Amino acid sequence: MAGLAGHFKVDKSLAMEMQASLTLNGKEVGSFKGIHWWTTSFNPRVQGVKASDLKAQFTVNFGNNKQMYQDFKAEWDKKDSRWTFNDNNCSAKLNF
C-alpha cells in the first residue's frame, strides 16, 4: 500500500524502552520488550476469548529523560489509578 507509507514515518529519537505483556487466565500469550516509540502485544492464535479473562501490563522506561517522566507522571498520576510510577528508574507501568 504505497499510499500509506508516509503514515509510518516517525522521529526515531523519541523511542524509549517499552515492555508489554498479555496474559490469559494467568498464562502469558503475548509479550514484547524493546526500544520503540509505540508498542502493543497480541497473539493471533488466541481468539474467541472473553476480555475479562485477559490482563495486560505495559511499562515505559523514560531513561534519562527525567523531565518527560515528571510531566507524564503529573498528567496521569491522578487521572488513572491503573498507572504506577517508579521515581528511582523513571518508569511508568499500566495494568489492566
PDB file of N, CA and C in Angstrom:
ATOM      1  N   MET A   1       0.849  -1.186   0.000  1.00  0.00           N
ATOM      2  CA  MET A   1       0.000   0.000   0.000  1.00  0.00           C
ATOM      3  C   MET A   1       0.887   1.238   0.000  1.00  0.00           C
ATOM      4  N   ALA A   2       1.358   1.588  -1.117  1.00  0.00           N
ATOM      5  CA  ALA A   2       2.292   2.712  -1.233  1.00  0.00           C
ATOM      6  C   ALA A   2       1.689   4.017  -0.729  1.00  0.00           C
ATOM      7  N   GLY A   3       0.396   4.195  -0.867  1.00  0.00           N
ATOM      8  CA  GLY A   3      -0.247   5.431  -0.443  1.00  0.00           C
ATOM      9  C   GLY A   3      -0.187   5.680   1.055  1.00  0.00           C
ATOM     10  N   LEU A   4      -0.005   4.625   1.849  1.00  0.00           N
ATOM     11  CA  LEU A   4       0.028   4.767   3.301  1.00  0.00           C
ATOM     12  C   LEU A   4       1.444   4.922   3.856  1.00  0.00           C
ATOM     13  N   ALA A   5       2.445   4.800   3.030  1.00  0.00           N
ATOM     14  CA  ALA A   5       3.830   4.777   3.503  1.00  0.00           C
ATOM     15  C   ALA A   5       4.180   5.975   4.377  1.00  0.00           C
ATOM     16  N   GLY A   6       3.712   7.164   4.058  1.00  0.00           N
ATOM     17  CA  GLY A   6       4.029   8.360   4.835  1.00  0.00           C
ATOM     18  C   GLY A   6       3.491   8.332   6.239  1.00  0.00           C
ATOM     19  N   HIS A   7       2.465   7.543   6.511  1.00  0.00           N
ATOM     20  CA  HIS A   7       1.865   7.478   7.846  1.00  0.00           C
ATOM     21  C   HIS A   7       2.724   6.723   8.847  1.00  0.00           C
ATOM     22  N   PHE A   8       3.725   6.027   8.365  1.00  0.00           N
ATOM     23  CA  PHE A   8       4.524   5.197   9.237  1.00  0.00           C
ATOM     24  C   PHE A   8       5.896   5.787   9.544  1.00  0.00           C
ATOM     25  N   LYS A   9       6.137   7.010   9.144  1.00  0.00           N
ATOM     26  CA  LYS A   9       7.408   7.666   9.433  1.00  0.00           C
ATOM     27  C   LYS A   9       7.318   8.344  10.799  1.00  0.00           C
ATOM     28  N   VAL A  10       8.334   8.120  11.617  1.00  0.00           N
ATOM     29  CA  VAL A  10       8.358   8.699  12.960  1.00  0.00           C
ATOM     30  C   VAL A  10       9.755   9.224  13.257  1.00  0.00           C
ATOM     31  N   ASP A  11       9.839  10.058  14.271  1.00  0.00           N
ATOM     32  CA  ASP A  11      11.118  10.546  14.757  1.00  0.00           C
ATOM     33  C   ASP A  11      11.693   9.480  15.687  1.00  0.00           C
ATOM     34  N   LYS A  12      12.652   8.702  15.213  1.00  0.00           N
ATOM     35  CA  LYS A  12      13.196   7.596  15.983  1.00  0.00           C
ATOM     36  C   LYS A  12      13.915   8.040  17.249  1.00  0.00           C
ATOM     37  N   SER A  13      14.251   9.319  17.350  1.00  0.00           N
ATOM     38  CA  SER A  13      14.899   9.801  18.573  1.00  0.00           C
ATOM     39  C   SER A  13      13.918   9.807  19.751  1.00  0.00           C
ATOM     40  N   LEU A  14      12.623   9.645  19.485  1.00  0.00           N
ATOM     41  CA  LEU A  14      11.613   9.607  20.534  1.00  0.00           C
ATOM     42  C   LEU A  14      11.408   8.202  21.101  1.00  0.00           C
ATOM     43  N   ALA A  15      12.105   7.228  20.556  1.00  0.00           N
ATOM     44  CA  ALA A  15      11.945   5.851  21.007  1.00  0.00           C
ATOM     45  C   ALA A  15      12.434   5.688  22.446  1.00  0.00           C
ATOM     46  N   MET A  16      11.737   4.820  23.191  1.00  0.00           N
ATOM     47  CA  MET A  16      12.084   4.533  24.576  1.00  0.00           C
ATOM     48  C   MET A  16      11.961   3.034  24.806  1.00  0.00           C
ATOM     49  N   GLU A  17      12.552   2.568  25.882  1.00  0.00           N
ATOM     50  CA  GLU A  17      12.404   1.158  26.240  1.00  0.00           C
ATOM     51  C   GLU A  17      10.976   0.928  26.711  1.00  0.00           C
ATOM     52  N   MET A  18      10.316  -0.047  26.075  1.00  0.00           N
ATOM     53  CA  MET A  18       8.933  -0.379  26.426  1.00  0.00           C
ATOM     54  C   MET A  18       8.797  -1.882  26.561  1.00  0.00           C
ATOM     55  N   GLN A  19       7.806  -2.263  27.346  1.00  0.00           N
ATOM     56  CA  GLN A  19       7.536  -3.654  27.596  1.00  0.00           C
ATOM     57  C   GLN A  19       6.029  -3.850  27.582  1.00  0.00           C
ATOM     58  N   ALA A  20       5.571  -4.960  27.009  1.00  0.00           N
ATOM     59  CA  ALA A  20       4.151  -5.296  27.018  1.00  0.00           C
ATOM     60  C   ALA A  20       4.008  -6.771  27.340  1.00  0.00           C
ATOM     61  N   SER A  21       3.005  -7.100  28.126  1.00  0.00           N
ATOM     62  CA  SER A  21       2.730  -8.486  28.476  1.00  0.00           C
ATOM     63  C   SER A  21       1.223  -8.687  28.481  1.00  0.00           C
ATOM     64  N   LEU A  22       0.773  -9.757  27.827  1.00  0.00           N
ATOM     65  CA  LEU A  22      -0.648 -10.091  27.766  1.00  0.00           C
ATOM     66  C   LEU A  22      -0.819 -11.497  28.319  1.00  0.00           C
ATOM     67  N   THR A  23      -1.706 -11.660  29.306  1.00  0.00           N
ATOM     68  CA  THR A  23      -1.940 -12.978  29.889  1.00  0.00           C
ATOM     69  C   THR A  23      -3.416 -13.342  29.768  1.00  0.00           C
ATOM     70  N   LEU A  24      -3.650 -14.637  29.599  1.00  0.00           N
ATOM     71  CA  LEU A  24      -4.998 -15.193  29.524  1.00  0.00           C
ATOM     72  C   LEU A  24      -5.122 -16.207  30.644  1.00  0.00           C
ATOM     73  N   ASN A  25      -6.000 -15.923  31.601  1.00  0.00           N
ATOM     74  CA  ASN A  25      -6.179 -16.799  32.765  1.00  0.00           C
ATOM     75  C   ASN A  25      -4.847 -17.126  33.432  1.00  0.00           C
ATOM     76  N   GLY A  26      -3.979 -16.120  33.555  1.00  0.00           N
ATOM     77  CA  GLY A  26      -2.708 -16.275  34.234  1.00  0.00           C
ATOM     78  C   GLY A  26      -1.575 -16.828  33.380  1.00  0.00           C
ATOM     79  N   LYS A  27      -1.833 -17.214  32.126  1.00  0.00           N
ATOM     80  CA  LYS A  27      -0.795 -17.752  31.251  1.00  0.00           C
ATOM     81  C   LYS A  27      -0.432 -16.710  30.196  1.00  0.00           C
ATOM     82  N   GLU A  28       0.877 -16.435  30.057  1.00  0.00           N
ATOM     83  CA  GLU A  28       1.313 -15.436  29.080  1.00  0.00           C
ATOM     84  C   GLU A  28       1.018 -15.915  27.660  1.00  0.00           C
ATOM     85  N   VAL A  29       0.339 -15.058  26.891  1.00  0.00           N
ATOM     86  CA  VAL A  29       0.017 -15.377  25.496  1.00  0.00           C
ATOM     87  C   VAL A  29       0.647 -14.380  24.532  1.00  0.00           C
ATOM     88  N   GLY A  30       1.298 -13.364  25.049  1.00  0.00           N
ATOM     89  CA  GLY A  30       1.979 -12.389  24.204  1.00  0.00           C
ATOM     90  C   GLY A  30       2.873 -11.504  25.045  1.00  0.00           C
ATOM     91  N   SER A  31       4.029 -11.164  24.496  1.00  0.00           N
ATOM     92  CA  SER A  31       4.917 -10.254  25.214  1.00  0.00           C
ATOM     93  C   SER A  31       5.862  -9.586  24.228  1.00  0.00           C
ATOM     94  N   PHE A  32       6.394  -8.466  24.668  1.00  0.00           N
ATOM     95  CA  PHE A  32       7.326  -7.706  23.847  1.00  0.00           C
ATOM     96  C   PHE A  32       8.185  -6.860  24.768  1.00  0.00           C
ATOM     97  N   LYS A  33       9.453  -6.709  24.410  1.00  0.00           N
ATOM     98  CA  LYS A  33      10.341  -5.789  25.121  1.00  0.00           C
ATOM     99  C   LYS A  33      11.338  -5.255  24.112  1.00  0.00           C
ATOM    100  N   GLY A  34      11.504  -3.949  24.075  1.00  0.00           N
ATOM    101  CA  GLY A  34      12.456  -3.370  23.155  1.00  0.00           C
ATOM    102  C   GLY A  34      12.396  -1.853  23.143  1.00  0.00           C
ATOM    103  N   ILE A  35      13.168  -1.265  22.256  1.00  0.00           N
ATOM    104  CA  ILE A  35      13.219   0.186  22.094  1.00  0.00           C
ATOM    105  C   ILE A  35      12.271   0.561  20.955  1.00  0.00           C
ATOM    106  N   HIS A  36      11.224   1.288  21.296  1.00  0.00           N
ATOM    107  CA  HIS A  36      10.220   1.682  20.312  1.00  0.00           C
ATOM    108  C   HIS A  36       9.608   3.015  20.697  1.00  0.00           C
ATOM    109  N   TRP A  37       8.858   3.568  19.785  1.00  0.00           N
ATOM    110  CA  TRP A  37       8.108   4.790  20.083  1.00  0.00           C
ATOM    111  C   TRP A  37       6.656   4.448  20.378  1.00  0.00           C
ATOM    112  N   TRP A  38       6.253   3.193  20.115  1.00  0.00           N
ATOM    113  CA  TRP A  38       4.892   2.725  20.384  1.00  0.00           C
ATOM    114  C   TRP A  38       4.934   1.213  20.393  1.00  0.00           C
ATOM    115  N   THR A  39       4.180   0.556  21.271  1.00  0.00           N
ATOM    116  CA  THR A  39       4.174  -0.906  21.301  1.00  0.00           C
ATOM    117  C   THR A  39       2.802  -1.428  21.684  1.00  0.00           C
ATOM    118  N   THR A  40       2.570  -2.649  21.306  1.00  0.00           N
ATOM    119  CA  THR A  40       1.353  -3.372  21.664  1.00  0.00           C
ATOM    120  C   THR A  40       1.695  -4.853  21.686  1.00  0.00           C
ATOM    121  N   SER A  41       0.804  -5.668  22.186  1.00  0.00           N
ATOM    122  CA  SER A  41       1.056  -7.105  22.225  1.00  0.00           C
ATOM    123  C   SER A  41      -0.236  -7.847  21.942  1.00  0.00           C
ATOM    124  N   PHE A  42      -0.154  -8.822  21.049  1.00  0.00           N
ATOM    125  CA  PHE A  42      -1.292  -9.685  20.792  1.00  0.00           C
ATOM    126  C   PHE A  42      -0.786 -10.997  20.219  1.00  0.00           C
ATOM    127  N   ASN A  43      -1.637 -11.996  20.236  1.00  0.00           N
ATOM    128  CA  ASN A  43      -1.311 -13.298  19.684  1.00  0.00           C
ATOM    129  C   ASN A  43      -2.444 -13.696  18.756  1.00  0.00           C
ATOM    130  N   PRO A  44      -2.220 -13.726  17.444  1.00  0.00           N
ATOM    131  CA  PRO A  44      -3.298 -14.045  16.509  1.00  0.00           C
ATOM    132  C   PRO A  44      -3.829 -15.469  16.660  1.00  0.00           C
ATOM    133  N   ARG A  45      -3.085 -16.338  17.349  1.00  0.00           N
ATOM    134  CA  ARG A  45      -3.549 -17.713  17.568  1.00  0.00           C
ATOM    135  C   ARG A  45      -4.528 -17.823  18.733  1.00  0.00           C
ATOM    136  N   VAL A  46      -4.650 -16.762  19.513  1.00  0.00           N
ATOM    137  CA  VAL A  46      -5.579 -16.757  20.647  1.00  0.00           C
ATOM    138  C   VAL A  46      -6.778 -15.904  20.255  1.00  0.00           C
ATOM    139  N   GLN A  47      -7.884 -16.560  19.972  1.00  0.00           N
ATOM    140  CA  GLN A  47      -9.086 -15.847  19.527  1.00  0.00           C
ATOM    141  C   GLN A  47     -10.303 -16.385  20.264  1.00  0.00           C
ATOM    142  N   GLY A  48     -11.369 -15.612  20.232  1.00  0.00           N
ATOM    143  CA  GLY A  48     -12.633 -16.033  20.829  1.00  0.00           C
ATOM    144  C   GLY A  48     -12.612 -16.093  22.347  1.00  0.00           C
ATOM    145  N   VAL A  49     -11.779 -15.284  22.983  1.00  0.00           N
ATOM    146  CA  VAL A  49     -11.716 -15.277  24.446  1.00  0.00           C
ATOM    147  C   VAL A  49     -12.469 -14.068  24.985  1.00  0.00           C
ATOM    148  N   LYS A  50     -12.871 -14.154  26.241  1.00  0.00           N
ATOM    149  CA  LYS A  50     -13.546 -13.026  26.881  1.00  0.00           C
ATOM    150  C   LYS A  50     -12.507 -12.004  27.332  1.00  0.00           C
ATOM    151  N   ALA A  51     -12.800 -10.759  27.107  1.00  0.00           N
ATOM    152  CA  ALA A  51     -11.888  -9.691  27.524  1.00  0.00           C
ATOM    153  C   ALA A  51     -11.631  -9.756  29.024  1.00  0.00           C
ATOM    154  N   SER A  52     -12.609 -10.177  29.791  1.00  0.00           N
ATOM    155  CA  SER A  52     -12.441 -10.239  31.252  1.00  0.00           C
ATOM    156  C   SER A  52     -11.423 -11.298  31.673  1.00  0.00           C
ATOM    157  N   ASP A  53     -11.084 -12.223  30.776  1.00  0.00           N
ATOM    158  CA  ASP A  53     -10.078 -13.244  31.078  1.00  0.00           C
ATOM    159  C   ASP A  53      -8.669 -12.786  30.720  1.00  0.00           C
ATOM    160  N   LEU A  54      -8.538 -11.632  30.088  1.00  0.00           N
ATOM    161  CA  LEU A  54      -7.240 -11.096  29.674  1.00  0.00           C
ATOM    162  C   LEU A  54      -6.745 -10.046  30.661  1.00  0.00           C
ATOM    163  N   LYS A  55      -5.458 -10.031  30.881  1.00  0.00           N
ATOM    164  CA  LYS A  55      -4.795  -8.993  31.668  1.00  0.00           C
ATOM    165  C   LYS A  55      -3.629  -8.474  30.840  1.00  0.00           C
ATOM    166  N   ALA A  56      -3.429  -7.175  30.879  1.00  0.00           N
ATOM    167  CA  ALA A  56      -2.324  -6.567  30.131  1.00  0.00           C
ATOM    168  C   ALA A  56      -1.508  -5.688  31.062  1.00  0.00           C
ATOM    169  N   GLN A  57      -0.221  -5.655  30.787  1.00  0.00           N
ATOM    170  CA  GLN A  57       0.684  -4.798  31.544  1.00  0.00           C
ATOM    171  C   GLN A  57       1.651  -4.146  30.558  1.00  0.00           C
ATOM    172  N   PHE A  58       1.738  -2.827  30.624  1.00  0.00           N
ATOM    173  CA  PHE A  58       2.633  -2.057  29.765  1.00  0.00           C
ATOM    174  C   PHE A  58       3.555  -1.232  30.647  1.00  0.00           C
ATOM    175  N   THR A  59       4.843  -1.226  30.307  1.00  0.00           N
ATOM    176  CA  THR A  59       5.825  -0.445  31.059  1.00  0.00           C
ATOM    177  C   THR A  59       6.600   0.437  30.081  1.00  0.00           C
ATOM    178  N   VAL A  60       6.774   1.694  30.461  1.00  0.00           N
ATOM    179  CA  VAL A  60       7.583   2.630  29.681  1.00  0.00           C
ATOM    180  C   VAL A  60       8.711   3.107  30.582  1.00  0.00           C
ATOM    181  N   ASN A  61       9.935   2.966  30.105  1.00  0.00           N
ATOM    182  CA  ASN A  61      11.100   3.447  30.831  1.00  0.00           C
ATOM    183  C   ASN A  61      11.564   4.734  30.151  1.00  0.00           C
ATOM    184  N   PHE A  62      11.480   5.841  30.859  1.00  0.00           N
ATOM    185  CA  PHE A  62      11.829   7.136  30.289  1.00  0.00           C
ATOM    186  C   PHE A  62      13.328   7.396  30.293  1.00  0.00           C
ATOM    187  N   GLY A  63      14.095   6.452  30.846  1.00  0.00           N
ATOM    188  CA  GLY A  63      15.557   6.562  30.833  1.00  0.00           C
ATOM    189  C   GLY A  63      16.047   7.837  31.498  1.00  0.00           C
ATOM    190  N   ASN A  64      16.903   8.563  30.800  1.00  0.00           N
ATOM    191  CA  ASN A  64      17.487   9.796  31.336  1.00  0.00           C
ATOM    192  C   ASN A  64      16.601  11.018  31.148  1.00  0.00           C
ATOM    193  N   ASN A  65      15.461  10.856  30.507  1.00  0.00           N
ATOM    194  CA  ASN A  65      14.583  11.995  30.260  1.00  0.00           C
ATOM    195  C   ASN A  65      13.666  12.205  31.469  1.00  0.00           C
ATOM    196  N   LYS A  66      14.247  12.720  32.548  1.00  0.00           N
ATOM    197  CA  LYS A  66      13.501  12.900  33.795  1.00  0.00           C
ATOM    198  C   LYS A  66      12.369  13.907  33.658  1.00  0.00           C
ATOM    199  N   GLN A  67      12.566  14.921  32.832  1.00  0.00           N
ATOM    200  CA  GLN A  67      11.511  15.920  32.660  1.00  0.00           C
ATOM    201  C   GLN A  67      10.285  15.311  31.979  1.00  0.00           C
ATOM    202  N   MET A  68      10.507  14.482  30.956  1.00  0.00           N
ATOM    203  CA  MET A  68       9.378  13.825  30.286  1.00  0.00           C
ATOM    204  C   MET A  68       8.661  12.896  31.264  1.00  0.00           C
ATOM    205  N   TYR A  69       9.433  12.175  32.070  1.00  0.00           N
ATOM    206  CA  TYR A  69       8.841  11.295  33.084  1.00  0.00           C
ATOM    207  C   TYR A  69       8.000  12.103  34.069  1.00  0.00           C
ATOM    208  N   GLN A  70       8.547  13.177  34.598  1.00  0.00           N
ATOM    209  CA  GLN A  70       7.815  14.003  35.568  1.00  0.00           C
ATOM    210  C   GLN A  70       6.544  14.588  34.950  1.00  0.00           C
ATOM    211  N   ASP A  71       6.634  15.043  33.709  1.00  0.00           N
ATOM    212  CA  ASP A  71       5.457  15.591  33.025  1.00  0.00           C
ATOM    213  C   ASP A  71       4.392  14.520  32.820  1.00  0.00           C
ATOM    214  N   PHE A  72       4.822  13.332  32.403  1.00  0.00           N
ATOM    215  CA  PHE A  72       3.884  12.225  32.207  1.00  0.00           C
ATOM    216  C   PHE A  72       3.221  11.847  33.525  1.00  0.00           C
ATOM    217  N   LYS A  73       4.030  11.723  34.567  1.00  0.00           N
ATOM    218  CA  LYS A  73       3.505  11.378  35.883  1.00  0.00           C
ATOM    219  C   LYS A  73       2.520  12.427  36.385  1.00  0.00           C
ATOM    220  N   ALA A  74       2.857  13.688  36.227  1.00  0.00           N
ATOM    221  CA  ALA A  74       1.970  14.769  36.668  1.00  0.00           C
ATOM    222  C   ALA A  74       0.621  14.713  35.949  1.00  0.00           C
ATOM    223  N   GLU A  75       0.641  14.323  34.700  1.00  0.00           N
ATOM    224  CA  GLU A  75      -0.588  14.254  33.899  1.00  0.00           C
ATOM    225  C   GLU A  75      -1.450  13.047  34.273  1.00  0.00           C
ATOM    226  N   TRP A  76      -0.839  11.885  34.522  1.00  0.00           N
ATOM    227  CA  TRP A  76      -1.598  10.642  34.663  1.00  0.00           C
ATOM    228  C   TRP A  76      -1.728  10.114  36.087  1.00  0.00           C
ATOM    229  N   ASP A  77      -0.937  10.571  37.013  1.00  0.00           N
ATOM    230  CA  ASP A  77      -0.951  10.034  38.368  1.00  0.00           C
ATOM    231  C   ASP A  77      -2.326  10.143  39.019  1.00  0.00           C
ATOM    232  N   LYS A  78      -2.986  11.237  38.869  1.00  0.00           N
ATOM    233  CA  LYS A  78      -4.298  11.449  39.496  1.00  0.00           C
ATOM    234  C   LYS A  78      -5.463  11.047  38.583  1.00  0.00           C
ATOM    235  N   LYS A  79      -5.222  10.962  37.269  1.00  0.00           N
ATOM    236  CA  LYS A  79      -6.298  10.664  36.317  1.00  0.00           C
ATOM    237  C   LYS A  79      -6.670   9.193  36.240  1.00  0.00           C
ATOM    238  N   ASP A  80      -5.700   8.305  36.423  1.00  0.00           N
ATOM    239  CA  ASP A  80      -5.946   6.890  36.174  1.00  0.00           C
ATOM    240  C   ASP A  80      -5.164   6.054  37.177  1.00  0.00           C
ATOM    241  N   SER A  81      -5.869   5.420  38.102  1.00  0.00           N
ATOM    242  CA  SER A  81      -5.218   4.668  39.172  1.00  0.00           C
ATOM    243  C   SER A  81      -4.549   3.383  38.682  1.00  0.00           C
ATOM    244  N   ARG A  82      -4.721   3.034  37.419  1.00  0.00           N
ATOM    245  CA  ARG A  82      -4.051   1.839  36.883  1.00  0.00           C
ATOM    246  C   ARG A  82      -2.566   2.080  36.638  1.00  0.00           C
ATOM    247  N   TRP A  83      -2.148   3.350  36.619  1.00  0.00           N
ATOM    248  CA  TRP A  83      -0.729   3.685  36.434  1.00  0.00           C
ATOM    249  C   TRP A  83      -0.008   3.634  37.775  1.00  0.00           C
ATOM    250  N   THR A  84       1.189   3.044  37.790  1.00  0.00           N
ATOM    251  CA  THR A  84       2.087   3.134  38.938  1.00  0.00           C
ATOM    252  C   THR A  84       3.408   3.699  38.428  1.00  0.00           C
ATOM    253  N   PHE A  85       4.103   4.408  39.299  1.00  0.00           N
ATOM    254  CA  PHE A  85       5.306   5.133  38.895  1.00  0.00           C
ATOM    255  C   PHE A  85       6.477   4.762  39.788  1.00  0.00           C
ATOM    256  N   ASN A  86       7.645   4.648  39.178  1.00  0.00           N
ATOM    257  CA  ASN A  86       8.878   4.360  39.905  1.00  0.00           C
ATOM    258  C   ASN A  86       9.829   5.530  39.677  1.00  0.00           C
ATOM    259  N   ASP A  87       9.931   6.390  40.672  1.00  0.00           N
ATOM    260  CA  ASP A  87      10.786   7.576  40.562  1.00  0.00           C
ATOM    261  C   ASP A  87      12.271   7.222  40.503  1.00  0.00           C
ATOM    262  N   ASN A  88      12.656   6.073  41.046  1.00  0.00           N
ATOM    263  CA  ASN A  88      14.074   5.681  41.066  1.00  0.00           C
ATOM    264  C   ASN A  88      14.618   5.401  39.667  1.00  0.00           C
ATOM    265  N   ASN A  89      13.799   4.786  38.808  1.00  0.00           N
ATOM    266  CA  ASN A  89      14.294   4.487  37.461  1.00  0.00           C
ATOM    267  C   ASN A  89      13.475   5.163  36.348  1.00  0.00           C
ATOM    268  N   CYS A  90      12.642   6.132  36.741  1.00  0.00           N
ATOM    269  CA  CYS A  90      11.840   6.916  35.780  1.00  0.00           C
ATOM    270  C   CYS A  90      11.043   6.000  34.854  1.00  0.00           C
ATOM    271  N   SER A  91      10.240   5.125  35.459  1.00  0.00           N
ATOM    272  CA  SER A  91       9.401   4.242  34.646  1.00  0.00           C
ATOM    273  C   SER A  91       7.948   4.336  35.110  1.00  0.00           C
ATOM    274  N   ALA A  92       7.054   4.054  34.176  1.00  0.00           N
ATOM    275  CA  ALA A  92       5.619   4.054  34.448  1.00  0.00           C
ATOM    276  C   ALA A  92       5.041   2.729  33.980  1.00  0.00           C
ATOM    277  N   LYS A  93       4.138   2.151  34.779  1.00  0.00           N
ATOM    278  CA  LYS A  93       3.535   0.862  34.458  1.00  0.00           C
ATOM    279  C   LYS A  93       2.024   0.987  34.472  1.00  0.00           C
ATOM    280  N   LEU A  94       1.388   0.425  33.452  1.00  0.00           N
ATOM    281  CA  LEU A  94      -0.077   0.423  33.336  1.00  0.00           C
ATOM    282  C   LEU A  94      -0.546  -1.021  33.394  1.00  0.00           C
ATOM    283  N   ASN A  95      -1.466  -1.301  34.316  1.00  0.00           N
ATOM    284  CA  ASN A  95      -2.062  -2.636  34.456  1.00  0.00           C
ATOM    285  C   ASN A  95      -3.545  -2.551  34.196  1.00  0.00           C
ATOM    286  N   PHE A  96      -4.024  -3.441  33.346  1.00  0.00           N
ATOM    287  CA  PHE A  96      -5.481  -3.571  33.195  1.00  0.00           C
ATOM    288  C   PHE A  96      -5.837  -4.915  32.654  1.00  0.00           C
TER     289      PHE A  96
END
